[in-house]
Amino acid sequence: NTIEFTGALHSTIVKQVRLKNPNSNTLAYNAILVGRDADDFSLPKGNTVTIPPTRQGFVNVEFTIRFLHPAEAVLILISNKVDGVDGATLTFSLKSEVKNIEPLGTIKCRSPCYEL
């Protein structure tokens, strides 16, 4: 699965990964970001999520587009044993794309184009 972060240069995008627990036992996951640009992504609500039985949980991933080149990382969710039950390890590819560039400001100046 791929999660795409698209937006303007310097914008911050938050994506939410929804995890469903169909079991009758509680599941818990630790989230880890790895890869070339993993430092540019963050988990603002922490790196652990607990999902009650037959419910769902969410992991928020935040990214600020700082460069024109696409950023890539991997989100790995590793299960912790709760109630003696292990969930499957989950991986998500994280990719960014700059859709537009908006100027932060404009500067006006006068200068001669050419002087002898």
C-alpha atoms as a PDB file:
ATOM      1  CA  ASN A   1       0.000   0.000   0.000  1.00  0.00           C
ATOM      2  CA  THR A   2       1.222   3.487  -0.873  1.00  0.00           C
ATOM      3  CA  ILE A   3       0.292   6.682   0.945  1.00  0.00           C
ATOM      4  CA  GLU A   4       0.825   9.775  -1.198  1.00  0.00           C
ATOM      5  CA  PHE A   5       1.562  13.210   0.235  1.00  0.00           C
ATOM      6  CA  THR A   6       0.823  15.744  -2.500  1.00  0.00           C
ATOM      7  CA  GLY A   7       0.644  19.501  -2.143  1.00  0.00           C
ATOM      8  CA  ALA A   8       2.397  22.811  -2.531  1.00  0.00           C
ATOM      9  CA  LEU A   9       6.034  23.345  -1.658  1.00  0.00           C
ATOM     10  CA  HIS A  10       6.405  24.177   2.091  1.00  0.00           C
ATOM     11  CA  SER A  11       2.929  22.847   2.927  1.00  0.00           C
ATOM     12  CA  THR A  12       2.333  20.357   5.741  1.00  0.00           C
ATOM     13  CA  ILE A  13       0.190  17.338   4.991  1.00  0.00           C
ATOM     14  CA  VAL A  14      -1.237  14.929   7.555  1.00  0.00           C
ATOM     15  CA  LYS A  15      -2.495  11.514   6.488  1.00  0.00           C
ATOM     16  CA  GLN A  16      -4.345   9.077   8.694  1.00  0.00           C
ATOM     17  CA  VAL A  17      -3.827   5.313   8.449  1.00  0.00           C
ATOM     18  CA  ARG A  18      -6.903   3.422   9.642  1.00  0.00           C
ATOM     19  CA  LEU A  19      -6.324   0.025  11.243  1.00  0.00           C
ATOM     20  CA  LYS A  20      -9.242  -2.340  11.810  1.00  0.00           C
ATOM     21  CA  ASN A  21      -9.304  -5.052  14.442  1.00  0.00           C
ATOM     22  CA  PRO A  22     -11.826  -7.781  13.537  1.00  0.00           C
ATOM     23  CA  ASN A  23     -10.690  -9.991  16.465  1.00  0.00           C
ATOM     24  CA  SER A  24     -12.178 -10.272  19.921  1.00  0.00           C
ATOM     25  CA  ASN A  25      -8.762  -9.431  21.444  1.00  0.00           C
ATOM     26  CA  THR A  26      -6.990  -6.083  21.776  1.00  0.00           C
ATOM     27  CA  LEU A  27      -4.191  -5.362  19.280  1.00  0.00           C
ATOM     28  CA  ALA A  28      -1.299  -2.952  19.812  1.00  0.00           C
ATOM     29  CA  TYR A  29       1.242  -1.680  17.285  1.00  0.00           C
ATOM     30  CA  ASN A  30       4.519   0.250  17.386  1.00  0.00           C
ATOM     31  CA  ALA A  31       5.090   2.484  14.361  1.00  0.00           C
ATOM     32  CA  ILE A  32       8.566   2.998  12.868  1.00  0.00           C
ATOM     33  CA  LEU A  33       9.588   5.240   9.963  1.00  0.00           C
ATOM     34  CA  VAL A  34      12.562   4.000   7.903  1.00  0.00           C
ATOM     35  CA  GLY A  35      14.132   4.872   4.573  1.00  0.00           C
ATOM     36  CA  ARG A  36      16.003   7.576   2.717  1.00  0.00           C
ATOM     37  CA  ASP A  37      13.756  10.474   3.793  1.00  0.00           C
ATOM     38  CA  ALA A  38      12.323   9.026   7.014  1.00  0.00           C
ATOM     39  CA  ASP A  39      13.504  12.066   9.009  1.00  0.00           C
ATOM     40  CA  ASP A  40      11.159  14.309   6.991  1.00  0.00           C
ATOM     41  CA  PHE A  41       8.094  12.319   8.100  1.00  0.00           C
ATOM     42  CA  SER A  42       6.785  12.297  11.666  1.00  0.00           C
ATOM     43  CA  LEU A  43       4.201  10.630  13.882  1.00  0.00           C
ATOM     44  CA  PRO A  44       2.669  13.617  15.728  1.00  0.00           C
ATOM     45  CA  LYS A  45       0.383  11.530  17.957  1.00  0.00           C
ATOM     46  CA  GLY A  46       3.110   9.130  19.003  1.00  0.00           C
ATOM     47  CA  ASN A  47       4.392   5.840  17.665  1.00  0.00           C
ATOM     48  CA  THR A  48       2.018   3.445  19.462  1.00  0.00           C
ATOM     49  CA  VAL A  49      -1.604   2.620  18.785  1.00  0.00           C
ATOM     50  CA  THR A  50      -3.926   0.286  20.681  1.00  0.00           C
ATOM     51  CA  ILE A  51      -6.986  -1.088  18.931  1.00  0.00           C
ATOM     52  CA  PRO A  52      -9.832  -2.450  21.073  1.00  0.00           C
ATOM     53  CA  PRO A  53     -11.671  -5.625  19.962  1.00  0.00           C
ATOM     54  CA  THR A  54     -13.848  -5.183  16.838  1.00  0.00           C
ATOM     55  CA  ARG A  55     -12.895  -1.498  16.657  1.00  0.00           C
ATOM     56  CA  GLN A  56     -10.461   0.602  14.680  1.00  0.00           C
ATOM     57  CA  GLY A  57      -7.433   2.720  15.478  1.00  0.00           C
ATOM     58  CA  PHE A  58      -5.565   5.456  13.655  1.00  0.00           C
ATOM     59  CA  VAL A  59      -1.935   6.386  13.077  1.00  0.00           C
ATOM     60  CA  ASN A  60      -1.285   9.953  11.909  1.00  0.00           C
ATOM     61  CA  VAL A  61       1.676  10.591   9.615  1.00  0.00           C
ATOM     62  CA  GLU A  62       2.811  14.174   9.010  1.00  0.00           C
ATOM     63  CA  PHE A  63       5.041  15.474   6.232  1.00  0.00           C
ATOM     64  CA  THR A  64       6.231  18.982   5.347  1.00  0.00           C
ATOM     65  CA  ILE A  65       7.281  19.355   1.719  1.00  0.00           C
ATOM     66  CA  ARG A  66      10.683  21.057   1.910  1.00  0.00           C
ATOM     67  CA  PHE A  67      12.279  20.045  -1.409  1.00  0.00           C
ATOM     68  CA  LEU A  68      11.209  19.664  -5.029  1.00  0.00           C
ATOM     69  CA  HIS A  69      12.466  16.097  -5.322  1.00  0.00           C
ATOM     70  CA  PRO A  70      10.052  13.340  -4.232  1.00  0.00           C
ATOM     71  CA  ALA A  71      10.569  12.030  -0.699  1.00  0.00           C
ATOM     72  CA  GLU A  72      10.286   8.323   0.078  1.00  0.00           C
ATOM     73  CA  ALA A  73      10.054   6.353   3.305  1.00  0.00           C
ATOM     74  CA  VAL A  74       8.368   3.269   4.736  1.00  0.00           C
ATOM     75  CA  LEU A  75       5.976   3.111   7.683  1.00  0.00           C
ATOM     76  CA  ILE A  76       6.293  -0.209   9.517  1.00  0.00           C
ATOM     77  CA  LEU A  77       3.716  -1.231  12.116  1.00  0.00           C
ATOM     78  CA  ILE A  78       5.003  -3.986  14.392  1.00  0.00           C
ATOM     79  CA  SER A  79       2.538  -5.795  16.614  1.00  0.00           C
ATOM     80  CA  ASN A  80       2.945  -5.996  20.397  1.00  0.00           C
ATOM     81  CA  LYS A  81       1.477  -8.984  22.210  1.00  0.00           C
ATOM     82  CA  VAL A  82      -1.675  -7.997  24.086  1.00  0.00           C
ATOM     83  CA  ASP A  83      -3.958 -10.655  25.552  1.00  0.00           C
ATOM     84  CA  GLY A  84      -1.532 -13.240  24.115  1.00  0.00           C
ATOM     85  CA  VAL A  85      -2.391 -12.252  20.522  1.00  0.00           C
ATOM     86  CA  ASP A  86       0.062 -11.029  17.885  1.00  0.00           C
ATOM     87  CA  GLY A  87      -1.159  -9.060  14.875  1.00  0.00           C
ATOM     88  CA  ALA A  88       0.455  -9.119  11.466  1.00  0.00           C
ATOM     89  CA  THR A  89       3.314  -6.720  10.711  1.00  0.00           C
ATOM     90  CA  LEU A  90       2.082  -4.025   8.325  1.00  0.00           C
ATOM     91  CA  THR A  91       4.097  -1.875   5.909  1.00  0.00           C
ATOM     92  CA  PHE A  92       3.124   1.218   3.964  1.00  0.00           C
ATOM     93  CA  SER A  93       5.169   3.065   1.346  1.00  0.00           C
ATOM     94  CA  LEU A  94       5.212   6.852   1.863  1.00  0.00           C
ATOM     95  CA  LYS A  95       5.815   9.086  -1.165  1.00  0.00           C
ATOM     96  CA  SER A  96       5.596  12.818  -1.747  1.00  0.00           C
ATOM     97  CA  GLU A  97       4.998  14.929  -4.814  1.00  0.00           C
ATOM     98  CA  VAL A  98       5.070  18.707  -5.260  1.00  0.00           C
ATOM     99  CA  LYS A  99       1.956  19.779  -7.173  1.00  0.00           C
ATOM    100  CA  ASN A 100       2.616  23.526  -7.256  1.00  0.00           C
ATOM    101  CA  ILE A 101       4.948  26.192  -5.985  1.00  0.00           C
ATOM    102  CA  GLU A 102       3.550  29.266  -4.302  1.00  0.00           C
ATOM    103  CA  PRO A 103       5.915  32.159  -3.584  1.00  0.00           C
ATOM    104  CA  LEU A 104       6.498  32.983   0.068  1.00  0.00           C
ATOM    105  CA  GLY A 105       6.835  36.667  -0.836  1.00  0.00           C
ATOM    106  CA  THR A 106       7.660  39.163  -3.566  1.00  0.00           C
ATOM    107  CA  ILE A 107      10.467  41.693  -3.609  1.00  0.00           C
ATOM    108  CA  LYS A 108      10.435  44.715  -5.950  1.00  0.00           C
ATOM    109  CA  CYS A 109      13.691  46.410  -6.834  1.00  0.00           C
ATOM    110  CA  ARG A 110      15.060  48.750  -9.489  1.00  0.00           C
ATOM    111  CA  SER A 111      18.386  48.208 -11.089  1.00  0.00           C
ATOM    112  CA  PRO A 112      20.001  49.141 -14.387  1.00  0.00           C
ATOM    113  CA  CYS A 113      20.206  46.219 -16.769  1.00  0.00           C
ATOM    114  CA  TYR A 114      23.517  47.349 -18.251  1.00  0.00           C
ATOM    115  CA  GLU A 115      26.148  49.972 -17.540  1.00  0.00           C
ATOM    116  CA  LEU A 116      29.270  50.860 -19.485  1.00  0.00           C
END
